[in-house]
Amino acid sequence: MKKASLLHCIIFIVALCIPFFALSEVITTDTNSDGVPDAWTYMNGTFVEKQEIDMNYDGKVDSVYLYETTGNVKEEILDTDFDGKMDNWRYYENGQLRLDRMDSNADGKIDIWVHVLKGKIILIEKDTTGDGKPDTSTEY
């Protein structure tokens, strides 16, 4: 009896997982026609979950876009100076930019926070001491 119950449980779990894996797909794109993929789109059924892009065609991902199930971008992660390290994180709510965090001096720490509301900058905070915490702010 216990073996049958365990077998039924395993079959049930596998049956639940099959649709997830069957619907997950990665689509590669060669945007500059050099024969090497430079964009990857991660699908879950008909829904785009994530896109990764090599903007300068050096073989490294420079931009990552995470999506809500509505299709709106919820987060961008960027390497704006193409040094191989992500240095800009943008967060969205309902497709609207809300917070832009930057590492402007390439030390691996966020040092600028730009807060946005309804498409307008409302607050900029900066870390001028290098401790990872804002110490100056300008309201708009």
Protein backbone atom coordinates (compact mmCIF):
# COMPACT_ATOMS: atom_id res chain seq x y z
CA MET A 1 0.00 0.00 0.00
CA LYS A 2 2.79 2.43 0.86
CA LYS A 3 4.66 1.65 -2.38
CA ALA A 4 1.55 2.36 -4.43
CA SER A 5 0.97 5.68 -2.63
CA LEU A 6 4.58 6.71 -3.17
CA LEU A 7 4.37 5.77 -6.85
CA HIS A 8 1.16 7.79 -7.26
CA CYS A 9 2.82 10.77 -5.56
CA ILE A 10 5.85 10.58 -7.88
CA ILE A 11 3.63 10.28 -10.96
CA PHE A 12 1.60 13.29 -9.81
CA ILE A 13 4.73 15.43 -9.27
CA VAL A 14 6.18 14.46 -12.66
CA ALA A 15 2.86 15.24 -14.34
CA LEU A 16 2.90 18.69 -12.76
CA CYS A 17 6.47 19.38 -13.91
CA ILE A 18 6.12 18.24 -17.53
CA PRO A 19 4.01 21.23 -18.66
CA PHE A 20 6.48 23.64 -17.06
CA PHE A 21 9.47 22.18 -18.88
CA ALA A 22 7.55 21.66 -22.10
CA LEU A 23 6.51 25.31 -22.18
CA SER A 24 9.91 26.75 -21.24
CA GLU A 25 11.98 27.71 -24.24
CA VAL A 26 15.00 29.86 -25.07
CA ILE A 27 14.94 31.67 -28.40
CA THR A 28 18.31 32.90 -29.67
CA THR A 29 18.72 35.73 -32.15
CA ASP A 30 21.69 36.92 -34.20
CA THR A 31 20.90 40.64 -34.54
CA ASN A 32 24.03 41.57 -36.50
CA SER A 33 24.08 38.51 -38.79
CA ASP A 34 27.61 37.41 -37.82
CA GLY A 35 26.56 33.83 -37.12
CA VAL A 36 26.80 34.21 -33.33
CA PRO A 37 23.72 34.63 -31.10
CA ASP A 38 23.64 37.97 -29.27
CA ALA A 39 20.13 37.97 -27.84
CA TRP A 40 18.34 35.32 -25.80
CA THR A 41 14.62 35.37 -25.03
CA TYR A 42 13.39 33.07 -22.27
CA MET A 43 9.79 32.04 -22.83
CA ASN A 44 7.28 30.33 -20.58
CA GLY A 45 4.59 29.30 -23.01
CA THR A 46 3.60 32.46 -24.85
CA PHE A 47 4.94 34.71 -22.08
CA VAL A 48 8.41 36.30 -22.22
CA GLU A 49 10.05 35.98 -18.79
CA LYS A 50 13.49 37.39 -19.55
CA GLN A 51 15.67 38.73 -22.34
CA GLU A 52 19.46 38.95 -22.35
CA ILE A 53 21.29 41.01 -24.95
CA ASP A 54 24.93 41.45 -25.94
CA MET A 55 24.66 45.08 -27.08
CA ASN A 56 28.28 45.50 -28.27
CA TYR A 57 28.74 41.98 -29.71
CA ASP A 58 31.69 41.06 -27.49
CA GLY A 59 30.19 37.74 -26.30
CA LYS A 60 29.07 39.11 -22.91
CA VAL A 61 25.51 39.93 -21.87
CA ASP A 62 25.22 43.68 -21.31
CA SER A 63 21.47 44.02 -20.80
CA VAL A 64 18.96 41.86 -18.96
CA TYR A 65 15.22 42.56 -19.03
CA LEU A 66 12.82 40.81 -16.65
CA TYR A 67 9.12 40.90 -17.48
CA GLU A 68 5.81 40.74 -15.64
CA THR A 69 3.18 38.31 -16.92
CA THR A 70 1.43 41.38 -18.40
CA GLY A 71 4.38 41.87 -20.77
CA ASN A 72 5.62 45.01 -18.99
CA VAL A 73 9.29 45.27 -18.06
CA LYS A 74 9.69 44.93 -14.29
CA GLU A 75 13.48 45.22 -14.09
CA GLU A 76 16.44 46.14 -16.29
CA ILE A 77 20.01 45.22 -15.38
CA LEU A 78 22.65 46.92 -17.51
CA ASP A 79 26.38 47.11 -18.07
CA THR A 80 26.42 50.67 -19.40
CA ASP A 81 30.21 50.96 -19.81
CA PHE A 82 30.68 47.44 -21.28
CA ASP A 83 33.34 46.44 -18.74
CA GLY A 84 31.70 43.07 -18.01
CA LYS A 85 30.11 44.23 -14.72
CA MET A 86 26.49 45.24 -14.35
CA ASP A 87 26.32 48.83 -13.10
CA ASN A 88 22.72 49.97 -13.52
CA TRP A 89 19.51 48.50 -12.11
CA ARG A 90 16.13 49.95 -13.09
CA TYR A 91 12.91 48.90 -11.40
CA TYR A 92 9.45 49.35 -12.89
CA GLU A 93 5.88 49.23 -11.62
CA ASN A 94 3.12 48.69 -14.18
CA GLY A 95 5.58 49.50 -16.97
CA GLN A 96 6.65 52.82 -15.40
CA LEU A 97 10.19 53.46 -14.15
CA ARG A 98 10.17 53.91 -10.34
CA LEU A 99 13.81 53.56 -9.26
CA ASP A 100 17.12 53.76 -11.12
CA ARG A 101 20.14 52.57 -9.10
CA MET A 102 23.66 53.13 -10.47
CA ASP A 103 27.26 52.32 -9.71
CA SER A 104 28.76 55.38 -11.39
CA ASN A 105 32.38 54.86 -10.30
CA ALA A 106 32.73 51.08 -10.99
CA ASP A 107 33.54 50.18 -7.38
CA GLY A 108 30.78 47.55 -7.19
CA LYS A 109 28.54 49.67 -4.94
CA ILE A 110 25.41 51.60 -5.76
CA ASP A 111 26.15 55.32 -5.41
CA ILE A 112 23.23 57.02 -7.17
CA TRP A 113 19.51 56.42 -6.64
CA VAL A 114 17.03 58.19 -8.90
CA HIS A 115 13.40 57.97 -7.74
CA VAL A 116 10.76 58.52 -10.42
CA LEU A 117 7.01 59.05 -10.16
CA LYS A 118 4.68 59.29 -13.17
CA GLY A 119 7.64 59.72 -15.53
CA LYS A 120 9.24 62.56 -13.53
CA ILE A 121 12.29 62.51 -11.30
CA ILE A 122 11.21 63.30 -7.73
CA LEU A 123 14.40 62.56 -5.80
CA ILE A 124 18.08 61.91 -6.51
CA GLU A 125 20.23 60.47 -3.74
CA LYS A 126 24.01 60.08 -3.87
CA ASP A 127 26.65 58.29 -1.84
CA THR A 128 29.68 60.58 -1.89
CA THR A 129 31.59 58.76 0.87
CA GLY A 130 31.65 55.25 -0.62
CA ASP A 131 29.85 53.54 2.25
CA GLY A 132 26.92 52.35 0.10
CA LYS A 133 24.44 54.66 1.79
CA PRO A 134 23.03 57.91 0.37
CA ASP A 135 24.42 61.00 2.10
CA THR A 136 23.13 63.75 -0.19
CA SER A 137 19.73 64.18 -1.78
CA THR A 138 17.99 66.57 -4.12
CA GLU A 139 14.20 66.72 -4.30
CA TYR A 140 12.35 67.88 -7.40
